[in-house]
Amino acid sequence: MDLLWSPWRLQYVSSSKHEGCVFCEAPKHEDRNGQILFRGKVSYIIMNAFPYNTGHVMVVPFRHVPSLELLTEEEAIEVHRNVARSLRAIRKVYKPDGFNVGVNIGSAAGAGVAGHVHVHIVPRWVGDSNFMAILSNTKVLPEMLNDTYSRLRPALEADEEALDH
């Protein structure tokens, strides 16, 4: 098995875990001390204390919720707008070749703070460490895409109907 070393993460994985939520605590501090770059009405942009790359930020709702579907419409819209705001700012300052933008929902998905949903924005440059090479561009999917579509489409239509009422 090949190994991928990321020594900058050692402080994070070996640090004591706080009882409280880091994303609920950060807004209580002055912006610079809390590493908050921007505050909106219902969400904020914060630096990642253990970044995967230079410029790695996160967009976080103020309200403590574990998953995107639990956000209010106002929160969801502002989170998305703050992701776009982050992309524009990072493009302007760092001129990356691309981005990874994503959410890890739950510990099994890799969420370090599973109880408080947050969106990662990671700038990428050609030649930096890319996890796709480790996976050899291969993914194991337990279901054919057409089957997945057939299962998800009715659920999404039902949800859309629920929103209309």
C-alpha atoms as a PDB file:
ATOM      1  CA  MET A   1       0.000   0.000   0.000  1.00  0.00           C
ATOM      2  CA  ASP A   2       1.298   3.442  -0.929  1.00  0.00           C
ATOM      3  CA  LEU A   3       1.114   6.142   1.726  1.00  0.00           C
ATOM      4  CA  LEU A   4       0.288   9.809   1.418  1.00  0.00           C
ATOM      5  CA  TRP A   5       1.920  11.927   4.107  1.00  0.00           C
ATOM      6  CA  SER A   6       0.362  15.181   5.295  1.00  0.00           C
ATOM      7  CA  PRO A   7       2.450  16.285   8.293  1.00  0.00           C
ATOM      8  CA  TRP A   8       0.639  19.633   8.566  1.00  0.00           C
ATOM      9  CA  ARG A   9      -2.418  17.671   9.792  1.00  0.00           C
ATOM     10  CA  LEU A  10      -0.546  16.139  12.776  1.00  0.00           C
ATOM     11  CA  GLN A  11      -1.420  19.012  15.107  1.00  0.00           C
ATOM     12  CA  TYR A  12      -5.111  18.575  14.270  1.00  0.00           C
ATOM     13  CA  VAL A  13      -5.307  14.803  14.673  1.00  0.00           C
ATOM     14  CA  SER A  14      -3.209  14.785  17.850  1.00  0.00           C
ATOM     15  CA  SER A  15      -4.839  17.783  19.548  1.00  0.00           C
ATOM     16  CA  SER A  16      -7.316  17.314  22.358  1.00  0.00           C
ATOM     17  CA  LYS A  17     -10.900  17.487  21.181  1.00  0.00           C
ATOM     18  CA  HIS A  18     -12.914  20.391  22.560  1.00  0.00           C
ATOM     19  CA  GLU A  19     -16.209  19.682  24.281  1.00  0.00           C
ATOM     20  CA  GLY A  20     -17.882  22.637  22.562  1.00  0.00           C
ATOM     21  CA  CYS A  21     -18.338  23.240  18.862  1.00  0.00           C
ATOM     22  CA  VAL A  22     -15.466  25.175  17.295  1.00  0.00           C
ATOM     23  CA  PHE A  23     -17.873  26.693  14.748  1.00  0.00           C
ATOM     24  CA  CYS A  24     -20.244  27.900  17.477  1.00  0.00           C
ATOM     25  CA  GLU A  25     -17.341  29.317  19.502  1.00  0.00           C
ATOM     26  CA  ALA A  26     -15.479  31.125  16.689  1.00  0.00           C
ATOM     27  CA  PRO A  27     -18.089  33.882  16.140  1.00  0.00           C
ATOM     28  CA  LYS A  28     -17.912  34.782  19.840  1.00  0.00           C
ATOM     29  CA  HIS A  29     -14.373  36.090  19.285  1.00  0.00           C
ATOM     30  CA  GLU A  30     -13.115  39.210  17.567  1.00  0.00           C
ATOM     31  CA  ASP A  31     -12.823  38.446  13.858  1.00  0.00           C
ATOM     32  CA  ARG A  32      -9.035  38.233  13.656  1.00  0.00           C
ATOM     33  CA  ASN A  33      -8.749  36.055  16.778  1.00  0.00           C
ATOM     34  CA  GLY A  34     -11.538  33.824  15.502  1.00  0.00           C
ATOM     35  CA  GLN A  35     -10.025  33.797  11.981  1.00  0.00           C
ATOM     36  CA  ILE A  36     -13.345  34.990  10.581  1.00  0.00           C
ATOM     37  CA  LEU A  37     -12.926  36.679   7.210  1.00  0.00           C
ATOM     38  CA  PHE A  38     -16.522  37.784   6.637  1.00  0.00           C
ATOM     39  CA  ARG A  39     -19.776  37.793   8.607  1.00  0.00           C
ATOM     40  CA  GLY A  40     -23.132  37.675   6.914  1.00  0.00           C
ATOM     41  CA  LYS A  41     -26.546  37.712   8.548  1.00  0.00           C
ATOM     42  CA  VAL A  42     -26.803  33.912   8.990  1.00  0.00           C
ATOM     43  CA  SER A  43     -23.377  32.570   7.980  1.00  0.00           C
ATOM     44  CA  TYR A  44     -19.709  33.457   7.994  1.00  0.00           C
ATOM     45  CA  ILE A  45     -16.440  32.715   6.179  1.00  0.00           C
ATOM     46  CA  ILE A  46     -13.586  31.418   8.323  1.00  0.00           C
ATOM     47  CA  MET A  47     -10.009  30.345   7.670  1.00  0.00           C
ATOM     48  CA  ASN A  48      -9.289  26.642   8.058  1.00  0.00           C
ATOM     49  CA  ALA A  49      -6.844  26.312  10.954  1.00  0.00           C
ATOM     50  CA  PHE A  50      -5.388  23.156   9.383  1.00  0.00           C
ATOM     51  CA  PRO A  51      -5.574  23.958   5.652  1.00  0.00           C
ATOM     52  CA  TYR A  52      -5.168  21.481   2.826  1.00  0.00           C
ATOM     53  CA  ASN A  53      -3.787  24.313   0.705  1.00  0.00           C
ATOM     54  CA  THR A  54      -3.049  28.010   0.965  1.00  0.00           C
ATOM     55  CA  GLY A  55      -6.316  29.919   0.929  1.00  0.00           C
ATOM     56  CA  HIS A  56      -8.450  27.044   2.272  1.00  0.00           C
ATOM     57  CA  VAL A  57     -11.548  28.638   3.826  1.00  0.00           C
ATOM     58  CA  MET A  58     -14.899  27.405   5.054  1.00  0.00           C
ATOM     59  CA  VAL A  59     -18.399  28.847   4.907  1.00  0.00           C
ATOM     60  CA  VAL A  60     -20.347  28.095   8.076  1.00  0.00           C
ATOM     61  CA  PRO A  61     -23.919  28.860   9.140  1.00  0.00           C
ATOM     62  CA  PHE A  62     -24.114  30.494  12.566  1.00  0.00           C
ATOM     63  CA  ARG A  63     -26.822  28.028  13.568  1.00  0.00           C
ATOM     64  CA  HIS A  64     -25.580  24.609  14.733  1.00  0.00           C
ATOM     65  CA  VAL A  65     -27.032  22.072  12.269  1.00  0.00           C
ATOM     66  CA  PRO A  66     -25.413  18.817  11.108  1.00  0.00           C
ATOM     67  CA  SER A  67     -26.546  18.712   7.466  1.00  0.00           C
ATOM     68  CA  LEU A  68     -27.414  20.917   4.498  1.00  0.00           C
ATOM     69  CA  GLU A  69     -31.047  19.831   4.237  1.00  0.00           C
ATOM     70  CA  LEU A  70     -31.651  21.247   7.732  1.00  0.00           C
ATOM     71  CA  LEU A  71     -30.686  24.780   6.698  1.00  0.00           C
ATOM     72  CA  THR A  72     -33.458  27.316   6.289  1.00  0.00           C
ATOM     73  CA  GLU A  73     -33.914  28.771   2.824  1.00  0.00           C
ATOM     74  CA  GLU A  74     -32.281  32.003   3.993  1.00  0.00           C
ATOM     75  CA  GLU A  75     -29.292  30.092   5.378  1.00  0.00           C
ATOM     76  CA  ALA A  76     -28.914  27.951   2.260  1.00  0.00           C
ATOM     77  CA  ILE A  77     -28.972  30.980  -0.032  1.00  0.00           C
ATOM     78  CA  GLU A  78     -26.481  32.942   2.050  1.00  0.00           C
ATOM     79  CA  VAL A  79     -24.136  29.960   2.423  1.00  0.00           C
ATOM     80  CA  HIS A  80     -24.138  29.573  -1.364  1.00  0.00           C
ATOM     81  CA  ARG A  81     -23.539  33.295  -1.857  1.00  0.00           C
ATOM     82  CA  ASN A  82     -20.650  33.157   0.594  1.00  0.00           C
ATOM     83  CA  VAL A  83     -19.138  30.215  -1.273  1.00  0.00           C
ATOM     84  CA  ALA A  84     -19.256  32.339  -4.449  1.00  0.00           C
ATOM     85  CA  ARG A  85     -17.842  35.310  -2.532  1.00  0.00           C
ATOM     86  CA  SER A  86     -14.971  33.093  -1.313  1.00  0.00           C
ATOM     87  CA  LEU A  87     -14.238  31.800  -4.805  1.00  0.00           C
ATOM     88  CA  ARG A  88     -14.036  35.337  -6.192  1.00  0.00           C
ATOM     89  CA  ALA A  89     -11.750  36.513  -3.396  1.00  0.00           C
ATOM     90  CA  ILE A  90      -9.418  33.513  -3.613  1.00  0.00           C
ATOM     91  CA  ARG A  91      -9.239  33.815  -7.416  1.00  0.00           C
ATOM     92  CA  LYS A  92      -8.321  37.484  -7.093  1.00  0.00           C
ATOM     93  CA  VAL A  93      -5.663  36.999  -4.408  1.00  0.00           C
ATOM     94  CA  TYR A  94      -4.086  33.624  -5.251  1.00  0.00           C
ATOM     95  CA  LYS A  95      -4.937  32.976  -8.933  1.00  0.00           C
ATOM     96  CA  PRO A  96      -5.465  29.200  -8.465  1.00  0.00           C
ATOM     97  CA  ASP A  97      -5.907  26.846 -11.415  1.00  0.00           C
ATOM     98  CA  GLY A  98      -9.017  25.314  -9.854  1.00  0.00           C
ATOM     99  CA  PHE A  99     -10.926  24.575  -6.655  1.00  0.00           C
ATOM    100  CA  ASN A 100     -12.276  21.759  -4.563  1.00  0.00           C
ATOM    101  CA  VAL A 101     -15.568  22.845  -2.999  1.00  0.00           C
ATOM    102  CA  GLY A 102     -17.286  20.354  -0.770  1.00  0.00           C
ATOM    103  CA  VAL A 103     -19.166  19.274   2.318  1.00  0.00           C
ATOM    104  CA  ASN A 104     -18.485  16.199   4.434  1.00  0.00           C
ATOM    105  CA  ILE A 105     -21.724  15.251   6.179  1.00  0.00           C
ATOM    106  CA  GLY A 106     -21.183  12.912   9.119  1.00  0.00           C
ATOM    107  CA  SER A 107     -18.087  11.288  10.583  1.00  0.00           C
ATOM    108  CA  ALA A 108     -18.198   8.421   8.075  1.00  0.00           C
ATOM    109  CA  ALA A 109     -17.853  10.967   5.264  1.00  0.00           C
ATOM    110  CA  GLY A 110     -14.796  12.519   6.878  1.00  0.00           C
ATOM    111  CA  ALA A 111     -16.360  15.452   8.714  1.00  0.00           C
ATOM    112  CA  GLY A 112     -13.969  16.637  11.413  1.00  0.00           C
ATOM    113  CA  VAL A 113     -16.796  18.619  13.031  1.00  0.00           C
ATOM    114  CA  ALA A 114     -19.729  16.359  12.202  1.00  0.00           C
ATOM    115  CA  GLY A 115     -22.341  18.255  14.198  1.00  0.00           C
ATOM    116  CA  HIS A 116     -22.010  21.613  12.428  1.00  0.00           C
ATOM    117  CA  VAL A 117     -22.224  21.598   8.635  1.00  0.00           C
ATOM    118  CA  HIS A 118     -19.663  23.693   6.765  1.00  0.00           C
ATOM    119  CA  VAL A 119     -18.494  24.074   3.170  1.00  0.00           C
ATOM    120  CA  HIS A 120     -14.788  23.744   2.344  1.00  0.00           C
ATOM    121  CA  ILE A 121     -13.315  25.906  -0.420  1.00  0.00           C
ATOM    122  CA  VAL A 122      -9.820  24.673  -1.305  1.00  0.00           C
ATOM    123  CA  PRO A 123      -7.852  26.394  -4.067  1.00  0.00           C
ATOM    124  CA  ARG A 124      -5.842  24.040  -6.278  1.00  0.00           C
ATOM    125  CA  TRP A 125      -2.872  24.474  -8.580  1.00  0.00           C
ATOM    126  CA  VAL A 126      -1.569  22.194 -11.287  1.00  0.00           C
ATOM    127  CA  GLY A 127       1.081  20.033  -9.668  1.00  0.00           C
ATOM    128  CA  ASP A 128      -0.143  20.197  -6.087  1.00  0.00           C
ATOM    129  CA  SER A 129      -1.025  16.900  -4.400  1.00  0.00           C
ATOM    130  CA  ASN A 130      -4.191  15.549  -5.987  1.00  0.00           C
ATOM    131  CA  PHE A 131      -6.061  12.701  -4.330  1.00  0.00           C
ATOM    132  CA  MET A 132      -7.406  11.429  -7.650  1.00  0.00           C
ATOM    133  CA  ALA A 133      -3.977  10.031  -8.498  1.00  0.00           C
ATOM    134  CA  ILE A 134      -4.070   7.982  -5.306  1.00  0.00           C
ATOM    135  CA  LEU A 135      -7.435   6.560  -6.324  1.00  0.00           C
ATOM    136  CA  SER A 136      -6.151   5.893  -9.858  1.00  0.00           C
ATOM    137  CA  ASN A 137      -9.222   7.588 -11.269  1.00  0.00           C
ATOM    138  CA  THR A 138     -11.244   4.558 -10.190  1.00  0.00           C
ATOM    139  CA  LYS A 139     -14.444   4.598  -8.179  1.00  0.00           C
ATOM    140  CA  VAL A 140     -16.517   1.645  -6.995  1.00  0.00           C
ATOM    141  CA  LEU A 141     -20.227   2.299  -7.410  1.00  0.00           C
ATOM    142  CA  PRO A 142     -22.626  -0.339  -6.030  1.00  0.00           C
ATOM    143  CA  GLU A 143     -25.452   0.656  -8.376  1.00  0.00           C
ATOM    144  CA  MET A 144     -25.703   1.477 -12.067  1.00  0.00           C
ATOM    145  CA  LEU A 145     -26.271   5.175 -12.762  1.00  0.00           C
ATOM    146  CA  ASN A 146     -29.614   4.537 -14.495  1.00  0.00           C
ATOM    147  CA  ASP A 147     -30.834   2.647 -11.408  1.00  0.00           C
ATOM    148  CA  THR A 148     -29.753   5.484  -9.154  1.00  0.00           C
ATOM    149  CA  TYR A 149     -31.605   7.943 -11.374  1.00  0.00           C
ATOM    150  CA  SER A 150     -34.743   5.804 -11.264  1.00  0.00           C
ATOM    151  CA  ARG A 151     -34.647   5.754  -7.477  1.00  0.00           C
ATOM    152  CA  LEU A 152     -33.786   9.403  -6.888  1.00  0.00           C
ATOM    153  CA  ARG A 153     -36.023  11.063  -9.471  1.00  0.00           C
ATOM    154  CA  PRO A 154     -39.334  10.130  -7.778  1.00  0.00           C
ATOM    155  CA  ALA A 155     -37.987  11.202  -4.381  1.00  0.00           C
ATOM    156  CA  LEU A 156     -36.941  14.578  -5.774  1.00  0.00           C
ATOM    157  CA  GLU A 157     -40.289  15.046  -7.544  1.00  0.00           C
ATOM    158  CA  ALA A 158     -42.130  14.227  -4.316  1.00  0.00           C
ATOM    159  CA  ASP A 159     -40.012  16.724  -2.426  1.00  0.00           C
ATOM    160  CA  GLU A 160     -40.690  19.409  -5.051  1.00  0.00           C
ATOM    161  CA  GLU A 161     -44.423  18.728  -4.732  1.00  0.00           C
ATOM    162  CA  ALA A 162     -44.131  19.098  -0.949  1.00  0.00           C
ATOM    163  CA  LEU A 163     -42.563  22.530  -1.453  1.00  0.00           C
ATOM    164  CA  ASP A 164     -45.491  23.609  -3.652  1.00  0.00           C
ATOM    165  CA  HIS A 165     -48.027  23.003  -0.850  1.00  0.00           C
END
